[in-house]
Amino acid sequence: MVTKAKKGKEDAVVQLRIRVRAYENKILDASVKQIIDTALRYDAKIVGPIPLPTEIKKYTVNRASFVFKNAREQFEIRIHKRVIDILNPNPKTIEALTNLSLPSGVDIDVKMM
């Protein structure tokens, strides 16, 4: 009885997923553009930026603590998100992305898939 050996994933695609979050959408778009320009400089294949749904957190607070109990104020925080996928990044691309300086208020998560 002859058994077939399973082929390994020879053509496995290494993917770098960058998730960017910020409170202000203009700063977020500028940061995403900077990331994409850096990746394109080293001939990386890019998918995105893909806009994810905006996360909205609402807070309701009493205006007065004693007399006007029914008067309330509402505040909200909006968190804008984008996802960028870089397919088969070379080491120079990864090094350039790690040395990138982005404005404050921008949160970045990087995953290798």
N, C-alpha and C. Protein backbone atom coordinates (compact mmCIF):
# COMPACT_ATOMS: atom_id res chain seq x y z
N MET A 1 0.84 -1.17 0.00
CA MET A 1 0.00 0.00 0.00
C MET A 1 0.89 1.24 0.00
N VAL A 2 0.65 2.12 -0.95
CA VAL A 2 1.45 3.33 -1.10
C VAL A 2 0.65 4.52 -0.57
N THR A 3 1.27 5.30 0.30
CA THR A 3 0.59 6.49 0.81
C THR A 3 1.22 7.73 0.19
N LYS A 4 0.38 8.71 -0.06
CA LYS A 4 0.88 9.95 -0.64
C LYS A 4 1.31 10.90 0.47
N ALA A 5 2.43 11.51 0.26
CA ALA A 5 2.91 12.50 1.23
C ALA A 5 2.20 13.82 0.95
N LYS A 6 1.75 14.43 2.02
CA LYS A 6 1.06 15.72 1.85
C LYS A 6 2.07 16.80 1.52
N LYS A 7 1.68 17.63 0.58
CA LYS A 7 2.56 18.74 0.21
C LYS A 7 2.47 19.83 1.27
N GLY A 8 3.61 20.39 1.60
CA GLY A 8 3.64 21.52 2.52
C GLY A 8 3.21 22.78 1.79
N LYS A 9 2.97 23.79 2.54
CA LYS A 9 2.55 25.05 1.93
C LYS A 9 3.79 25.76 1.39
N GLU A 10 4.13 25.44 0.16
CA GLU A 10 5.31 26.04 -0.45
C GLU A 10 5.05 27.48 -0.86
N ASP A 11 3.83 27.74 -1.34
CA ASP A 11 3.49 29.07 -1.79
C ASP A 11 2.69 29.83 -0.73
N ALA A 12 3.06 29.65 0.52
CA ALA A 12 2.35 30.33 1.61
C ALA A 12 2.61 31.83 1.52
N VAL A 13 1.54 32.58 1.62
CA VAL A 13 1.65 34.03 1.54
C VAL A 13 1.84 34.59 2.94
N VAL A 14 2.96 35.27 3.14
CA VAL A 14 3.20 35.94 4.41
C VAL A 14 2.55 37.31 4.31
N GLN A 15 1.76 37.62 5.31
CA GLN A 15 1.00 38.86 5.26
C GLN A 15 1.26 39.66 6.53
N LEU A 16 1.47 40.94 6.36
CA LEU A 16 1.67 41.86 7.47
C LEU A 16 0.40 42.69 7.58
N ARG A 17 -0.34 42.55 8.68
CA ARG A 17 -1.59 43.30 8.85
C ARG A 17 -1.35 44.43 9.85
N ILE A 18 -1.56 45.65 9.38
CA ILE A 18 -1.36 46.84 10.20
C ILE A 18 -2.73 47.43 10.49
N ARG A 19 -3.05 47.56 11.78
CA ARG A 19 -4.33 48.14 12.19
C ARG A 19 -4.03 49.47 12.86
N VAL A 20 -4.60 50.54 12.32
CA VAL A 20 -4.30 51.89 12.78
C VAL A 20 -5.58 52.48 13.38
N ARG A 21 -5.46 53.10 14.57
CA ARG A 21 -6.61 53.70 15.25
C ARG A 21 -6.25 55.10 15.73
N ALA A 22 -7.23 56.01 15.67
CA ALA A 22 -7.00 57.38 16.16
C ALA A 22 -8.34 58.04 16.43
N TYR A 23 -8.30 59.10 17.23
CA TYR A 23 -9.51 59.86 17.54
C TYR A 23 -9.87 60.82 16.41
N GLU A 24 -8.87 61.34 15.72
CA GLU A 24 -9.12 62.30 14.64
C GLU A 24 -8.84 61.64 13.29
N ASN A 25 -9.81 61.78 12.38
CA ASN A 25 -9.67 61.09 11.09
C ASN A 25 -8.63 61.73 10.19
N LYS A 26 -8.37 63.02 10.31
CA LYS A 26 -7.36 63.66 9.44
C LYS A 26 -5.96 63.18 9.79
N ILE A 27 -5.67 63.06 11.08
CA ILE A 27 -4.36 62.56 11.51
C ILE A 27 -4.22 61.09 11.11
N LEU A 28 -5.32 60.35 11.21
CA LEU A 28 -5.31 58.94 10.84
C LEU A 28 -5.02 58.76 9.36
N ASP A 29 -5.68 59.55 8.51
CA ASP A 29 -5.46 59.44 7.06
C ASP A 29 -4.04 59.84 6.67
N ALA A 30 -3.49 60.86 7.35
CA ALA A 30 -2.11 61.25 7.07
C ALA A 30 -1.13 60.14 7.46
N SER A 31 -1.39 59.48 8.59
CA SER A 31 -0.52 58.39 9.03
C SER A 31 -0.60 57.20 8.08
N VAL A 32 -1.81 56.88 7.62
CA VAL A 32 -1.99 55.77 6.69
C VAL A 32 -1.28 56.06 5.37
N LYS A 33 -1.36 57.30 4.91
CA LYS A 33 -0.68 57.69 3.67
C LYS A 33 0.83 57.55 3.83
N GLN A 34 1.35 57.92 4.99
CA GLN A 34 2.78 57.81 5.26
C GLN A 34 3.22 56.34 5.28
N ILE A 35 2.40 55.47 5.87
CA ILE A 35 2.71 54.04 5.90
C ILE A 35 2.71 53.46 4.49
N ILE A 36 1.71 53.82 3.70
CA ILE A 36 1.60 53.29 2.33
C ILE A 36 2.75 53.78 1.46
N ASP A 37 3.12 55.06 1.59
CA ASP A 37 4.24 55.59 0.81
C ASP A 37 5.54 54.87 1.15
N THR A 38 5.74 54.59 2.44
CA THR A 38 6.95 53.88 2.86
C THR A 38 6.98 52.47 2.31
N ALA A 39 5.83 51.79 2.33
CA ALA A 39 5.78 50.41 1.82
C ALA A 39 5.96 50.38 0.30
N LEU A 40 5.38 51.33 -0.40
CA LEU A 40 5.52 51.37 -1.86
C LEU A 40 6.94 51.70 -2.29
N ARG A 41 7.67 52.43 -1.47
CA ARG A 41 9.06 52.77 -1.78
C ARG A 41 9.92 51.51 -1.89
N TYR A 42 9.55 50.45 -1.14
CA TYR A 42 10.31 49.20 -1.18
C TYR A 42 9.58 48.12 -1.97
N ASP A 43 8.72 48.51 -2.91
CA ASP A 43 8.03 47.62 -3.85
C ASP A 43 7.22 46.52 -3.16
N ALA A 44 6.46 46.90 -2.15
CA ALA A 44 5.59 45.94 -1.47
C ALA A 44 4.20 46.01 -2.08
N LYS A 45 3.51 44.88 -2.09
CA LYS A 45 2.15 44.84 -2.59
C LYS A 45 1.20 45.14 -1.42
N ILE A 46 0.32 46.14 -1.64
CA ILE A 46 -0.51 46.64 -0.55
C ILE A 46 -1.98 46.42 -0.88
N VAL A 47 -2.74 46.01 0.14
CA VAL A 47 -4.19 45.94 0.05
C VAL A 47 -4.74 46.90 1.10
N GLY A 48 -5.48 47.89 0.66
CA GLY A 48 -6.06 48.83 1.62
C GLY A 48 -5.67 50.24 1.30
N PRO A 49 -5.94 51.16 2.14
CA PRO A 49 -6.49 51.04 3.49
C PRO A 49 -7.98 50.71 3.47
N ILE A 50 -8.38 49.82 4.34
CA ILE A 50 -9.77 49.42 4.47
C ILE A 50 -10.35 50.12 5.70
N PRO A 51 -11.35 50.98 5.51
CA PRO A 51 -11.94 51.64 6.69
C PRO A 51 -12.85 50.68 7.45
N LEU A 52 -12.63 50.60 8.74
CA LEU A 52 -13.47 49.79 9.61
C LEU A 52 -14.53 50.70 10.24
N PRO A 53 -15.60 50.14 10.78
CA PRO A 53 -16.63 50.98 11.40
C PRO A 53 -16.08 51.83 12.54
N THR A 54 -16.56 53.06 12.62
CA THR A 54 -16.14 53.97 13.67
C THR A 54 -16.77 53.55 14.99
N GLU A 55 -15.94 53.40 16.00
CA GLU A 55 -16.42 53.02 17.33
C GLU A 55 -16.83 54.29 18.07
N ILE A 56 -18.07 54.35 18.54
CA ILE A 56 -18.59 55.54 19.22
C ILE A 56 -18.92 55.16 20.66
N LYS A 57 -18.29 55.86 21.60
CA LYS A 57 -18.59 55.66 23.02
C LYS A 57 -19.32 56.90 23.52
N LYS A 58 -20.52 56.71 24.08
CA LYS A 58 -21.32 57.83 24.56
C LYS A 58 -21.38 57.79 26.08
N TYR A 59 -21.27 58.98 26.67
CA TYR A 59 -21.33 59.13 28.12
C TYR A 59 -22.41 60.16 28.45
N THR A 60 -23.29 59.83 29.40
CA THR A 60 -24.34 60.73 29.85
C THR A 60 -24.03 61.15 31.28
N VAL A 61 -24.08 62.47 31.54
CA VAL A 61 -23.70 63.02 32.84
C VAL A 61 -24.80 63.98 33.30
N ASN A 62 -25.09 63.97 34.62
CA ASN A 62 -26.03 64.95 35.17
C ASN A 62 -25.40 66.34 35.13
N ARG A 63 -26.18 67.34 34.73
CA ARG A 63 -25.66 68.72 34.73
C ARG A 63 -25.53 69.25 36.14
N ALA A 64 -26.55 69.02 36.94
CA ALA A 64 -26.52 69.49 38.33
C ALA A 64 -26.70 68.28 39.23
N SER A 65 -26.16 68.36 40.42
CA SER A 65 -26.22 67.21 41.30
C SER A 65 -27.46 67.20 42.20
N PHE A 66 -28.15 68.35 42.35
CA PHE A 66 -29.22 68.39 43.33
C PHE A 66 -30.56 68.83 42.74
N VAL A 67 -30.66 70.07 42.28
CA VAL A 67 -31.96 70.64 41.92
C VAL A 67 -32.46 70.15 40.57
N PHE A 68 -31.68 70.31 39.53
CA PHE A 68 -32.13 69.99 38.18
C PHE A 68 -31.69 68.57 37.82
N LYS A 69 -32.36 67.59 38.42
CA LYS A 69 -31.97 66.20 38.27
C LYS A 69 -32.22 65.68 36.85
N ASN A 70 -33.18 66.27 36.12
CA ASN A 70 -33.52 65.78 34.80
C ASN A 70 -32.64 66.37 33.69
N ALA A 71 -31.87 67.38 34.02
CA ALA A 71 -31.00 68.00 33.01
C ALA A 71 -29.73 67.17 32.89
N ARG A 72 -29.47 66.69 31.67
CA ARG A 72 -28.31 65.83 31.44
C ARG A 72 -27.54 66.30 30.22
N GLU A 73 -26.26 66.00 30.21
CA GLU A 73 -25.40 66.28 29.06
C GLU A 73 -24.87 64.97 28.51
N GLN A 74 -24.69 64.93 27.19
CA GLN A 74 -24.12 63.74 26.57
C GLN A 74 -22.82 64.11 25.86
N PHE A 75 -21.83 63.26 26.06
CA PHE A 75 -20.54 63.41 25.39
C PHE A 75 -20.25 62.12 24.65
N GLU A 76 -19.47 62.23 23.57
CA GLU A 76 -19.10 61.03 22.83
C GLU A 76 -17.65 61.10 22.39
N ILE A 77 -17.06 59.92 22.27
CA ILE A 77 -15.70 59.77 21.76
C ILE A 77 -15.80 58.87 20.53
N ARG A 78 -15.23 59.32 19.42
CA ARG A 78 -15.23 58.53 18.19
C ARG A 78 -13.82 58.01 17.94
N ILE A 79 -13.73 56.71 17.69
CA ILE A 79 -12.44 56.08 17.39
C ILE A 79 -12.50 55.57 15.95
N HIS A 80 -11.69 56.19 15.09
CA HIS A 80 -11.64 55.82 13.67
C HIS A 80 -10.58 54.75 13.48
N LYS A 81 -10.86 53.78 12.59
CA LYS A 81 -9.95 52.65 12.41
C LYS A 81 -9.73 52.37 10.92
N ARG A 82 -8.52 51.92 10.59
CA ARG A 82 -8.18 51.50 9.23
C ARG A 82 -7.31 50.24 9.31
N VAL A 83 -7.39 49.42 8.26
CA VAL A 83 -6.56 48.21 8.17
C VAL A 83 -5.80 48.25 6.86
N ILE A 84 -4.51 47.95 6.92
CA ILE A 84 -3.65 47.87 5.74
C ILE A 84 -3.00 46.50 5.74
N ASP A 85 -3.07 45.80 4.61
CA ASP A 85 -2.41 44.50 4.46
C ASP A 85 -1.24 44.65 3.50
N ILE A 86 -0.08 44.15 3.90
CA ILE A 86 1.09 44.15 3.04
C ILE A 86 1.44 42.69 2.78
N LEU A 87 1.41 42.30 1.50
CA LEU A 87 1.65 40.91 1.12
C LEU A 87 3.12 40.68 0.81
N ASN A 88 3.66 39.61 1.36
CA ASN A 88 5.06 39.20 1.18
C ASN A 88 6.04 40.36 1.38
N PRO A 89 6.09 40.93 2.59
CA PRO A 89 7.03 42.03 2.82
C PRO A 89 8.47 41.51 2.93
N ASN A 90 9.40 42.28 2.36
CA ASN A 90 10.80 41.91 2.49
C ASN A 90 11.37 42.56 3.76
N PRO A 91 12.53 42.14 4.23
CA PRO A 91 13.07 42.69 5.48
C PRO A 91 13.30 44.20 5.45
N LYS A 92 13.63 44.75 4.29
CA LYS A 92 13.83 46.20 4.21
C LYS A 92 12.53 46.95 4.46
N THR A 93 11.42 46.41 3.97
CA THR A 93 10.11 47.04 4.18
C THR A 93 9.76 47.02 5.65
N ILE A 94 9.97 45.90 6.31
CA ILE A 94 9.65 45.79 7.73
C ILE A 94 10.51 46.73 8.56
N GLU A 95 11.79 46.84 8.20
CA GLU A 95 12.69 47.74 8.93
C GLU A 95 12.28 49.20 8.73
N ALA A 96 11.89 49.56 7.51
CA ALA A 96 11.48 50.93 7.25
C ALA A 96 10.18 51.28 8.01
N LEU A 97 9.29 50.31 8.11
CA LEU A 97 8.03 50.56 8.83
C LEU A 97 8.25 50.67 10.34
N THR A 98 9.23 49.93 10.88
CA THR A 98 9.48 50.04 12.31
C THR A 98 10.17 51.36 12.66
N ASN A 99 10.93 51.93 11.73
CA ASN A 99 11.63 53.19 11.99
C ASN A 99 10.77 54.41 11.67
N LEU A 100 9.54 54.19 11.26
CA LEU A 100 8.64 55.28 10.87
C LEU A 100 8.16 56.04 12.11
N SER A 101 8.24 57.36 12.07
CA SER A 101 7.73 58.15 13.20
C SER A 101 6.38 58.75 12.80
N LEU A 102 5.37 58.40 13.55
CA LEU A 102 4.01 58.85 13.29
C LEU A 102 3.58 59.83 14.38
N PRO A 103 2.58 60.66 14.09
CA PRO A 103 2.15 61.65 15.09
C PRO A 103 1.55 60.99 16.34
N SER A 104 1.56 61.74 17.43
CA SER A 104 0.99 61.21 18.66
C SER A 104 -0.52 61.12 18.52
N GLY A 105 -1.11 60.21 19.23
CA GLY A 105 -2.55 60.00 19.13
C GLY A 105 -2.93 58.93 18.14
N VAL A 106 -1.93 58.30 17.51
CA VAL A 106 -2.19 57.24 16.53
C VAL A 106 -1.70 55.93 17.14
N ASP A 107 -2.59 54.94 17.24
CA ASP A 107 -2.27 53.64 17.80
C ASP A 107 -2.12 52.64 16.67
N ILE A 108 -1.04 51.85 16.71
CA ILE A 108 -0.74 50.91 15.62
C ILE A 108 -0.58 49.50 16.20
N ASP A 109 -1.26 48.53 15.58
CA ASP A 109 -1.08 47.12 15.90
C ASP A 109 -0.59 46.42 14.65
N VAL A 110 0.49 45.66 14.76
CA VAL A 110 1.06 44.96 13.61
C VAL A 110 1.04 43.47 13.91
N LYS A 111 0.52 42.69 12.96
CA LYS A 111 0.47 41.23 13.09
C LYS A 111 1.04 40.58 11.84
N MET A 112 1.78 39.50 12.05
CA MET A 112 2.25 38.67 10.94
C MET A 112 1.29 37.51 10.81
N MET A 113 0.79 37.30 9.61
CA MET A 113 -0.18 36.22 9.39
C MET A 113 0.38 35.25 8.36
